[in-house]
N, C-alpha and C. Protein backbone atom coordinates (compact mmCIF):
# COMPACT_ATOMS: atom_id res chain seq x y z
N UNK A 1 265.72 80.32 34.23
CA UNK A 1 266.33 79.40 33.43
C UNK A 1 265.35 78.70 32.31
N UNK A 2 265.63 78.96 31.03
CA UNK A 2 264.67 78.35 30.13
C UNK A 2 265.22 77.32 29.16
N UNK A 3 266.59 77.33 29.24
CA UNK A 3 267.20 76.32 28.43
C UNK A 3 268.24 75.52 29.26
N UNK A 4 268.41 74.24 29.05
CA UNK A 4 269.32 73.45 29.70
C UNK A 4 270.13 72.78 28.54
N UNK A 5 271.41 72.69 28.78
CA UNK A 5 272.35 71.90 27.94
C UNK A 5 273.07 70.83 28.67
N UNK A 6 272.74 69.54 28.24
CA UNK A 6 273.38 68.43 28.84
C UNK A 6 274.24 67.68 27.93
N UNK A 7 275.33 67.24 28.44
CA UNK A 7 276.18 66.45 27.53
C UNK A 7 276.74 65.27 28.32
N UNK A 8 276.79 64.13 27.64
CA UNK A 8 277.10 62.74 28.32
C UNK A 8 278.54 62.45 27.49
N UNK A 9 279.59 62.43 28.18
CA UNK A 9 280.84 62.13 27.51
C UNK A 9 280.87 60.66 26.96
N UNK A 10 280.02 59.84 27.46
CA UNK A 10 279.97 58.43 26.97
C UNK A 10 278.94 58.28 25.87
N UNK A 11 278.23 59.25 25.49
CA UNK A 11 277.25 59.17 24.42
C UNK A 11 277.81 59.51 23.11
N UNK A 12 278.34 58.70 22.40
CA UNK A 12 279.08 58.87 21.13
C UNK A 12 278.11 59.53 19.99
N UNK A 13 276.79 59.12 20.06
CA UNK A 13 275.85 59.58 19.04
C UNK A 13 275.53 61.11 19.11
N UNK A 14 275.61 61.46 20.38
CA UNK A 14 275.32 62.96 20.69
C UNK A 14 276.32 63.59 21.42
N UNK A 15 277.56 63.56 20.87
CA UNK A 15 278.73 64.00 21.61
C UNK A 15 278.76 65.46 22.00
N UNK A 16 278.02 66.28 21.17
CA UNK A 16 277.88 67.79 21.40
C UNK A 16 276.93 67.93 22.55
N UNK A 17 276.12 67.00 22.91
CA UNK A 17 275.17 67.26 23.96
C UNK A 17 273.75 67.62 23.40
N UNK A 18 272.93 67.90 24.28
CA UNK A 18 271.50 68.14 23.79
C UNK A 18 270.81 69.40 24.58
N UNK A 19 269.95 69.92 23.93
CA UNK A 19 269.40 71.10 24.55
C UNK A 19 267.87 70.81 24.99
N UNK A 20 267.53 71.24 26.17
CA UNK A 20 266.05 70.98 26.55
C UNK A 20 265.47 72.42 27.07
N UNK A 21 264.17 72.55 26.84
CA UNK A 21 263.50 73.80 27.31
C UNK A 21 262.80 73.44 28.54
N UNK A 22 262.92 74.50 29.50
CA UNK A 22 262.44 74.43 30.76
C UNK A 22 261.06 75.31 30.62
N UNK A 23 259.93 74.67 30.63
CA UNK A 23 258.60 75.16 30.38
C UNK A 23 257.81 75.22 31.59
N UNK A 24 257.43 76.42 32.15
CA UNK A 24 256.64 76.44 33.26
C UNK A 24 257.18 75.61 34.47
N UNK A 25 258.38 75.84 34.60
CA UNK A 25 259.03 75.13 35.81
C UNK A 25 259.35 73.56 35.49
N UNK A 26 259.01 73.00 34.37
CA UNK A 26 259.25 71.63 34.21
C UNK A 26 260.26 71.46 32.97
N UNK A 27 261.09 70.48 33.04
CA UNK A 27 262.06 70.38 31.89
C UNK A 27 261.32 69.46 30.84
N UNK A 28 261.15 70.03 29.73
CA UNK A 28 260.56 69.24 28.51
C UNK A 28 261.68 68.36 28.01
N UNK A 29 261.65 67.07 28.09
CA UNK A 29 262.65 66.18 27.67
C UNK A 29 262.76 65.99 26.21
N UNK A 30 262.10 66.80 25.33
CA UNK A 30 262.19 66.58 23.88
C UNK A 30 263.41 67.42 23.46
N UNK A 31 264.34 66.81 22.96
CA UNK A 31 265.62 67.55 22.53
C UNK A 31 265.31 68.60 21.45
N UNK A 32 266.03 69.71 21.67
CA UNK A 32 265.83 70.87 20.71
C UNK A 32 266.99 71.04 19.87
N UNK A 33 266.85 71.32 18.66
CA UNK A 33 268.00 71.67 17.72
C UNK A 33 268.16 73.09 17.68
N UNK A 34 269.43 73.59 17.51
CA UNK A 34 269.66 74.93 17.17
C UNK A 34 268.85 75.43 16.08
N UNK A 35 268.16 76.55 16.34
CA UNK A 35 267.11 77.24 15.39
C UNK A 35 267.96 77.89 14.45
N UNK A 36 267.39 78.19 13.18
CA UNK A 36 267.94 78.93 12.15
C UNK A 36 267.92 80.38 12.75
N UNK A 37 268.86 81.14 12.19
CA UNK A 37 268.99 82.52 12.68
C UNK A 37 267.69 83.42 12.45
N UNK A 38 267.00 83.11 11.37
CA UNK A 38 265.92 83.95 11.14
C UNK A 38 264.57 83.29 11.64
N UNK A 39 264.50 82.11 12.23
CA UNK A 39 263.37 81.41 12.80
C UNK A 39 263.62 80.90 14.01
N UNK A 40 263.42 81.81 15.10
CA UNK A 40 263.49 81.33 16.44
C UNK A 40 262.59 80.09 16.85
N UNK A 41 262.78 79.39 17.81
CA UNK A 41 261.98 78.36 18.31
C UNK A 41 260.86 79.03 19.35
N UNK A 42 259.73 78.81 19.02
CA UNK A 42 258.61 79.37 19.93
C UNK A 42 257.89 78.26 20.54
N UNK A 43 257.89 78.26 21.89
CA UNK A 43 257.26 77.24 22.67
C UNK A 43 255.67 77.42 22.56
N UNK A 44 254.94 76.35 22.15
CA UNK A 44 253.50 76.56 22.07
C UNK A 44 252.74 76.60 23.40
N UNK A 45 253.36 76.28 24.40
CA UNK A 45 252.75 76.39 25.77
C UNK A 45 253.03 77.68 26.58
N UNK A 46 254.26 78.05 26.63
CA UNK A 46 254.55 79.33 27.32
C UNK A 46 254.70 80.63 26.37
N UNK A 47 255.02 80.24 25.04
CA UNK A 47 255.13 81.43 24.21
C UNK A 47 256.45 82.03 23.98
N UNK A 48 257.53 81.54 24.80
CA UNK A 48 258.78 82.18 24.72
C UNK A 48 259.50 81.95 23.48
N UNK A 49 260.17 82.88 22.91
CA UNK A 49 261.01 82.74 21.72
C UNK A 49 262.38 82.41 21.98
N UNK A 50 263.11 81.33 21.66
CA UNK A 50 264.53 80.98 21.77
C UNK A 50 265.22 81.24 20.57
N UNK A 51 266.12 82.05 20.70
CA UNK A 51 266.93 82.27 19.34
C UNK A 51 268.35 81.39 19.48
N UNK A 52 269.06 81.45 18.38
CA UNK A 52 270.28 80.96 18.31
C UNK A 52 271.27 81.40 19.47
N UNK A 53 271.24 82.70 19.72
CA UNK A 53 272.10 83.25 20.80
C UNK A 53 271.79 82.65 22.11
N UNK A 54 270.57 82.29 22.53
CA UNK A 54 270.08 81.66 23.70
C UNK A 54 270.83 80.31 23.88
N UNK A 55 270.83 79.54 22.76
CA UNK A 55 271.40 78.26 22.67
C UNK A 55 272.84 78.20 23.02
N UNK A 56 273.48 79.29 22.27
CA UNK A 56 275.02 79.40 22.51
C UNK A 56 275.40 79.97 24.07
N UNK A 57 274.44 80.67 24.70
CA UNK A 57 274.69 80.98 26.08
C UNK A 57 274.43 79.89 26.92
N UNK A 58 273.42 78.96 26.71
CA UNK A 58 273.08 77.62 27.30
C UNK A 58 274.41 76.68 27.16
N UNK A 59 275.06 76.74 26.04
CA UNK A 59 276.26 75.89 25.77
C UNK A 59 277.27 76.25 26.52
N UNK A 60 277.54 77.61 26.72
CA UNK A 60 278.64 78.12 27.62
C UNK A 60 278.43 77.87 29.05
N UNK A 61 277.18 78.07 29.53
CA UNK A 61 277.00 78.06 30.95
C UNK A 61 276.33 76.78 31.47
N UNK A 62 275.77 75.91 30.51
CA UNK A 62 275.30 74.64 30.95
C UNK A 62 273.83 74.76 31.00
N UNK A 63 273.25 76.05 31.43
CA UNK A 63 271.79 76.33 31.34
C UNK A 63 271.66 77.90 31.37
N UNK A 64 270.57 78.26 30.78
CA UNK A 64 270.23 79.73 30.72
C UNK A 64 268.93 79.99 31.33
């Protein structure tokens, strides 16, 4: 699991939920935005590349 999608139905401001990266076994609670198709998110600590497809998978499953 490298991405987590959490949504809170009572949070009107972030109704679509938030994405978080699991880096080296710990959840980084800095919310991530969906990256542009040609610019994946690269974690500076673990070096993993997260592409838009990874975010869509996390959205469907809750976590990837």
